[in-house]
């Protein structure tokens, strides 16, 4: 990691962790902890307001019932180096289900997988104890069950009942006390309590922006002022490198057949998604050959 950039990132990471009330404690050096594409990292303390770039904020035809559209795909969930049906996973014995979850988690976090998801697990390890965390679109909960094991209190929500049942079973097997909510309509978000952290780990990029904004509008009301929104997305640079494919087709390129939509997220889009709320982007990066980007966002006020 370049010296000046490394020092800037180190200082800012420690600053945003202090905003959580913790000091970064680790066994790895910072350049081992962070993804190898560290030169692509940016830290930002400016309060975000105003949209810099033009992008389409209309609802495309066929998305009048967005949750119905999304349900056609997302019973198939990421499981490390493969995708699996949550319904099929539920047919496994408890022992085999736990083995499969641990295999998928290890693929994502160990050895070469550390540069995929493992780095942010370690980065947020000192943050999680005692925090109330909402997992939006839990899928197999590879990251957020790990957060629960670090001491966070998790609430899992998903539009697919089988995904919720899968994570409920995993929590029972792992003896994790958590809460669960199946989302039948956007009104169901109103049942949620207040959270310290919202984790949207690849779950709010697979619909048109106008739909995602409706979800963010509902969800941010349950994030306390000063709370944090952790957002894993695909960056604009990836979309450009892969040919600027229209979003209605890009999903099949990124996440396989039947994916109805995929959209990159950048600073301008994140700002628009939260407006008129004020946010501060504390940390962002692109990594893994620009396959992913990450936003750590503080909600300044609603």
Protein backbone atom coordinates (compact mmCIF):
# COMPACT_ATOMS: atom_id res chain seq x y z
CA UNK A 1 0.00 0.00 0.00
CA UNK A 2 1.48 3.41 -0.90
CA UNK A 3 2.72 5.19 2.21
CA UNK A 4 0.73 8.44 2.07
CA UNK A 5 -2.46 6.74 0.91
CA UNK A 6 -2.02 3.97 3.46
CA UNK A 7 -1.64 6.52 6.26
CA UNK A 8 -4.75 8.41 5.09
CA UNK A 9 -6.83 5.24 4.93
CA UNK A 10 -5.49 4.02 8.28
CA UNK A 11 -6.36 7.32 9.96
CA UNK A 12 -9.83 7.45 8.42
CA UNK A 13 -10.67 3.82 9.21
CA UNK A 14 -9.71 4.39 12.83
CA UNK A 15 -11.78 7.61 12.80
CA UNK A 16 -14.92 5.96 11.51
CA UNK A 17 -14.50 3.04 13.90
CA UNK A 18 -14.21 5.54 16.75
CA UNK A 19 -17.56 6.91 15.59
CA UNK A 20 -18.88 3.46 16.56
CA UNK A 21 -17.15 3.84 19.91
CA UNK A 22 -14.37 1.33 19.27
CA UNK A 23 -10.68 1.30 18.43
CA UNK A 24 -9.45 -0.96 15.62
CA UNK A 25 -7.74 -3.97 17.17
CA UNK A 26 -6.33 -6.58 14.79
CA UNK A 27 -3.73 -9.27 14.38
CA UNK A 28 -3.18 -8.39 10.74
CA UNK A 29 -1.42 -5.30 9.45
CA UNK A 30 -3.67 -2.82 7.68
CA UNK A 31 -2.41 -3.71 4.21
CA UNK A 32 -3.22 -7.38 4.93
CA UNK A 33 -6.63 -6.53 6.29
CA UNK A 34 -7.84 -4.40 3.41
CA UNK A 35 -8.45 -5.72 -0.12
CA UNK A 36 -5.52 -5.62 -2.52
CA UNK A 37 -7.12 -2.92 -4.63
CA UNK A 38 -6.39 -0.44 -1.86
CA UNK A 39 -5.32 2.25 -4.29
CA UNK A 40 -8.97 2.40 -5.39
CA UNK A 41 -10.13 3.31 -1.90
CA UNK A 42 -11.53 6.67 -1.04
CA UNK A 43 -12.49 8.20 2.26
CA UNK A 44 -15.01 10.98 2.42
CA UNK A 45 -16.11 13.18 5.28
CA UNK A 46 -18.19 15.56 3.22
CA UNK A 47 -21.93 15.66 3.73
CA UNK A 48 -23.57 14.52 0.53
CA UNK A 49 -26.16 16.65 -1.24
CA UNK A 50 -27.16 17.07 -4.86
CA UNK A 51 -26.90 14.62 -7.75
CA UNK A 52 -23.88 15.09 -9.98
CA UNK A 53 -24.74 12.71 -12.83
CA UNK A 54 -27.90 12.10 -14.82
CA UNK A 55 -29.47 8.68 -14.42
CA UNK A 56 -32.89 7.22 -15.08
CA UNK A 57 -35.21 7.45 -12.07
CA UNK A 58 -38.40 6.21 -13.74
CA UNK A 59 -40.12 2.87 -13.13
CA UNK A 60 -39.67 0.70 -16.26
CA UNK A 61 -42.64 -1.20 -17.74
CA UNK A 62 -43.19 -4.52 -16.03
CA UNK A 63 -42.04 -3.33 -12.61
CA UNK A 64 -45.44 -2.23 -11.30
CA UNK A 65 -45.26 -5.09 -8.75
CA UNK A 66 -41.53 -5.09 -8.03
CA UNK A 67 -41.49 -7.72 -5.29
CA UNK A 68 -43.25 -10.19 -7.60
CA UNK A 69 -40.58 -9.57 -10.24
CA UNK A 70 -37.75 -10.06 -7.74
CA UNK A 71 -39.27 -13.26 -6.34
CA UNK A 72 -38.84 -14.93 -9.74
CA UNK A 73 -35.06 -15.00 -9.10
CA UNK A 74 -33.98 -14.59 -5.51
CA UNK A 75 -34.95 -17.96 -4.09
CA UNK A 76 -31.62 -18.79 -5.73
CA UNK A 77 -29.00 -17.43 -3.36
CA UNK A 78 -25.22 -16.95 -3.40
CA UNK A 79 -23.44 -19.77 -1.58
CA UNK A 80 -19.74 -19.12 -1.89
CA UNK A 81 -18.56 -20.29 -5.32
CA UNK A 82 -22.04 -21.34 -6.46
CA UNK A 83 -25.71 -20.41 -6.25
CA UNK A 84 -28.23 -22.70 -4.62
CA UNK A 85 -31.98 -22.87 -4.14
CA UNK A 86 -32.98 -22.09 -0.57
CA UNK A 87 -35.81 -24.60 -0.97
CA UNK A 88 -33.34 -27.35 -1.80
CA UNK A 89 -31.05 -26.36 1.06
CA UNK A 90 -33.99 -26.69 3.45
CA UNK A 91 -34.23 -30.37 2.51
CA UNK A 92 -30.79 -31.03 4.03
CA UNK A 93 -30.34 -32.39 7.51
CA UNK A 94 -29.23 -29.91 10.17
CA UNK A 95 -25.73 -31.35 10.05
CA UNK A 96 -25.46 -31.10 6.26
CA UNK A 97 -27.01 -27.63 6.20
CA UNK A 98 -24.47 -26.33 8.70
CA UNK A 99 -21.66 -27.99 6.74
CA UNK A 100 -22.84 -26.30 3.53
CA UNK A 101 -23.14 -22.89 5.24
CA UNK A 102 -19.63 -23.21 6.69
CA UNK A 103 -18.25 -24.31 3.30
CA UNK A 104 -19.83 -21.30 1.57
CA UNK A 105 -18.68 -18.90 4.30
CA UNK A 106 -15.12 -20.22 4.12
CA UNK A 107 -15.01 -19.90 0.32
CA UNK A 108 -16.00 -16.24 0.73
CA UNK A 109 -13.62 -15.40 3.57
CA UNK A 110 -10.60 -17.73 3.75
CA UNK A 111 -7.40 -17.74 1.70
CA UNK A 112 -8.17 -16.07 -1.66
CA UNK A 113 -11.70 -15.46 -0.41
CA UNK A 114 -10.37 -13.05 2.22
CA UNK A 115 -10.06 -10.45 -0.54
CA UNK A 116 -13.72 -11.03 -1.48
CA UNK A 117 -15.63 -10.78 1.82
CA UNK A 118 -13.26 -11.71 4.60
CA UNK A 119 -11.61 -8.30 4.82
CA UNK A 120 -14.78 -6.45 5.83
CA UNK A 121 -15.73 -9.18 8.30
CA UNK A 122 -12.45 -8.47 10.10
CA UNK A 123 -12.78 -4.72 9.66
CA UNK A 124 -16.16 -4.63 11.41
CA UNK A 125 -15.37 -7.29 14.04
CA UNK A 126 -14.75 -4.70 16.80
CA UNK A 127 -17.90 -2.80 15.75
CA UNK A 128 -20.52 -5.51 16.03
CA UNK A 129 -20.77 -6.45 19.73
CA UNK A 130 -24.01 -5.09 21.17
CA UNK A 131 -25.23 -3.48 17.93
CA UNK A 132 -28.74 -3.99 16.56
CA UNK A 133 -28.23 -4.92 12.91
CA UNK A 134 -30.83 -5.28 10.15
CA UNK A 135 -29.93 -7.66 7.31
CA UNK A 136 -31.87 -6.57 4.21
CA UNK A 137 -32.38 -9.51 1.86
CA UNK A 138 -30.64 -12.08 4.01
CA UNK A 139 -30.28 -14.91 1.49
CA UNK A 140 -27.95 -17.39 3.23
CA UNK A 141 -26.71 -14.69 5.67
CA UNK A 142 -23.04 -15.56 5.17
CA UNK A 143 -21.85 -12.17 6.43
CA UNK A 144 -24.57 -11.31 8.89
CA UNK A 145 -24.64 -14.62 10.75
CA UNK A 146 -20.93 -13.99 11.15
CA UNK A 147 -21.77 -10.54 12.57
CA UNK A 148 -24.18 -12.25 14.98
CA UNK A 149 -21.40 -14.56 16.11
CA UNK A 150 -19.33 -11.43 16.78
CA UNK A 151 -21.98 -10.23 19.22
CA UNK A 152 -24.51 -8.28 17.14
CA UNK A 153 -28.27 -8.69 17.57
CA UNK A 154 -29.64 -9.48 14.11
CA UNK A 155 -32.99 -9.01 12.44
CA UNK A 156 -33.25 -10.84 9.11
CA UNK A 157 -35.70 -9.76 6.42
CA UNK A 158 -36.28 -11.18 2.94
CA UNK A 159 -38.98 -11.31 0.28
CA UNK A 160 -38.54 -15.10 -0.10
CA UNK A 161 -40.14 -17.12 2.75
CA UNK A 162 -37.73 -20.03 2.16
CA UNK A 163 -34.74 -17.71 2.66
CA UNK A 164 -36.14 -16.64 6.03
CA UNK A 165 -36.84 -20.23 7.03
CA UNK A 166 -33.31 -21.21 5.99
CA UNK A 167 -31.70 -18.56 8.18
CA UNK A 168 -34.11 -19.32 11.03
CA UNK A 169 -32.95 -22.94 10.95
CA UNK A 170 -29.30 -21.91 10.83
CA UNK A 171 -29.80 -19.65 13.83
CA UNK A 172 -31.40 -22.51 15.74
CA UNK A 173 -28.54 -24.85 14.83
CA UNK A 174 -25.95 -22.24 15.79
CA UNK A 175 -27.92 -21.18 18.91
CA UNK A 176 -28.20 -17.56 17.77
CA UNK A 177 -31.09 -15.49 19.09
CA UNK A 178 -32.44 -13.34 16.26
CA UNK A 179 -35.61 -11.87 14.77
CA UNK A 180 -37.15 -12.61 11.37
CA UNK A 181 -39.61 -10.93 9.03
CA UNK A 182 -40.86 -12.05 5.63
CA UNK A 183 -41.58 -9.03 3.42
CA UNK A 184 -44.83 -9.44 1.50
CA UNK A 185 -45.13 -5.73 0.66
CA UNK A 186 -43.20 -2.55 1.35
CA UNK A 187 -45.66 -1.77 4.16
CA UNK A 188 -44.15 -4.64 6.13
CA UNK A 189 -41.06 -2.50 6.73
CA UNK A 190 -43.20 -0.42 9.08
CA UNK A 191 -43.12 -3.28 11.62
CA UNK A 192 -39.38 -2.94 12.14
CA UNK A 193 -37.81 -1.37 15.27
CA UNK A 194 -34.83 1.00 15.29
CA UNK A 195 -31.35 -0.24 14.35
CA UNK A 196 -27.76 0.86 14.78
CA UNK A 197 -26.67 -0.70 11.47
CA UNK A 198 -28.44 -1.58 8.24
CA UNK A 199 -26.54 -4.14 6.13
CA UNK A 200 -27.52 -4.24 2.46
CA UNK A 201 -24.91 -6.68 1.21
CA UNK A 202 -25.64 -6.92 -2.50
CA UNK A 203 -29.40 -6.93 -1.86
CA UNK A 204 -30.46 -3.45 -3.04
CA UNK A 205 -28.83 -3.29 -6.47
CA UNK A 206 -31.09 -5.68 -8.37
CA UNK A 207 -34.00 -3.37 -9.11
CA UNK A 208 -34.43 -0.04 -10.94
CA UNK A 209 -33.38 2.98 -8.90
CA UNK A 210 -36.94 4.22 -8.48
CA UNK A 211 -37.86 0.90 -6.82
CA UNK A 212 -34.75 0.85 -4.66
CA UNK A 213 -35.50 4.38 -3.47
CA UNK A 214 -38.93 3.24 -2.26
CA UNK A 215 -37.18 0.54 -0.22
CA UNK A 216 -34.56 2.94 1.15
CA UNK A 217 -37.29 5.46 2.05
CA UNK A 218 -38.96 2.83 4.24
CA UNK A 219 -35.79 1.33 5.69
CA UNK A 220 -33.92 4.50 6.62
CA UNK A 221 -36.75 5.48 8.97
CA UNK A 222 -35.64 2.55 11.15
CA UNK A 223 -31.97 3.61 11.26
CA UNK A 224 -31.18 5.84 14.19
CA UNK A 225 -29.59 9.26 13.46
CA UNK A 226 -25.87 8.67 13.38
CA UNK A 227 -26.47 5.01 12.50
CA UNK A 228 -24.57 3.26 9.74
CA UNK A 229 -25.64 1.83 6.42
CA UNK A 230 -23.26 -0.81 5.00
CA UNK A 231 -23.82 -1.25 1.28
CA UNK A 232 -22.17 -3.75 -1.06
CA UNK A 233 -22.79 -3.04 -4.73
CA UNK A 234 -21.32 -3.30 -8.22
CA UNK A 235 -19.33 -0.25 -9.38
CA UNK A 236 -19.77 1.82 -12.51
CA UNK A 237 -16.27 0.79 -13.64
CA UNK A 238 -17.40 -2.84 -13.81
CA UNK A 239 -20.46 -1.92 -15.85
CA UNK A 240 -18.27 0.04 -18.25
CA UNK A 241 -15.71 -2.75 -18.57
CA UNK A 242 -18.46 -5.26 -19.29
CA UNK A 243 -19.85 -3.23 -22.18
CA UNK A 244 -22.38 -0.81 -20.68
CA UNK A 245 -25.10 -3.45 -21.00
CA UNK A 246 -28.62 -2.19 -20.37
CA UNK A 247 -29.58 -2.90 -16.78
CA UNK A 248 -32.50 -5.16 -17.74
CA UNK A 249 -29.91 -7.50 -19.31
CA UNK A 250 -26.82 -6.86 -17.19
CA UNK A 251 -28.22 -8.97 -14.35
CA UNK A 252 -27.97 -12.15 -16.42
CA UNK A 253 -24.33 -11.25 -17.08
CA UNK A 254 -23.50 -10.66 -13.41
CA UNK A 255 -25.79 -13.05 -11.54
CA UNK A 256 -26.96 -15.64 -14.02
CA UNK A 257 -30.09 -16.57 -15.98
CA UNK A 258 -33.36 -15.14 -14.79
CA UNK A 259 -31.87 -12.08 -13.06
CA UNK A 260 -34.40 -9.38 -14.02
CA UNK A 261 -32.21 -6.33 -13.34
CA UNK A 262 -28.79 -5.23 -12.12
CA UNK A 263 -27.63 -1.65 -11.65
CA UNK A 264 -24.31 -0.16 -10.58
CA UNK A 265 -24.29 2.18 -7.60
CA UNK A 266 -21.97 5.14 -7.17
CA UNK A 267 -21.83 8.20 -4.91
CA UNK A 268 -24.37 10.15 -6.94
CA UNK A 269 -26.88 7.34 -6.90
CA UNK A 270 -26.39 6.71 -3.20
CA UNK A 271 -27.03 10.39 -2.50
CA UNK A 272 -30.21 10.34 -4.59
CA UNK A 273 -31.46 7.14 -2.96
CA UNK A 274 -31.35 8.81 0.47
CA UNK A 275 -32.64 12.26 -0.45
CA UNK A 276 -33.95 14.36 1.20
CA UNK A 277 -32.12 12.76 4.13
CA UNK A 278 -28.57 13.92 4.72
CA UNK A 279 -25.84 11.30 4.63
CA UNK A 280 -22.08 11.26 5.07
CA UNK A 281 -20.06 8.66 3.17
CA UNK A 282 -17.37 7.72 5.67
CA UNK A 283 -15.59 5.08 3.62
CA UNK A 284 -15.86 3.62 0.13
CA UNK A 285 -13.76 1.36 -2.05
CA UNK A 286 -13.71 -0.78 -5.16
CA UNK A 287 -11.95 -4.13 -4.92
CA UNK A 288 -11.48 -7.62 -6.36
CA UNK A 289 -10.52 -6.32 -9.80
CA UNK A 290 -13.29 -3.72 -9.55
CA UNK A 291 -15.95 -6.41 -9.25
CA UNK A 292 -17.48 -4.84 -6.12
CA UNK A 293 -17.74 -1.54 -4.30
CA UNK A 294 -18.52 -0.78 -0.67
CA UNK A 295 -20.11 2.21 1.04
CA UNK A 296 -20.04 2.86 4.78
CA UNK A 297 -22.64 5.61 5.20
CA UNK A 298 -23.61 7.60 8.26
CA UNK A 299 -27.21 8.78 8.35
CA UNK A 300 -26.85 12.36 9.58
CA UNK A 301 -30.58 12.97 9.75
CA UNK A 302 -33.85 11.85 8.19
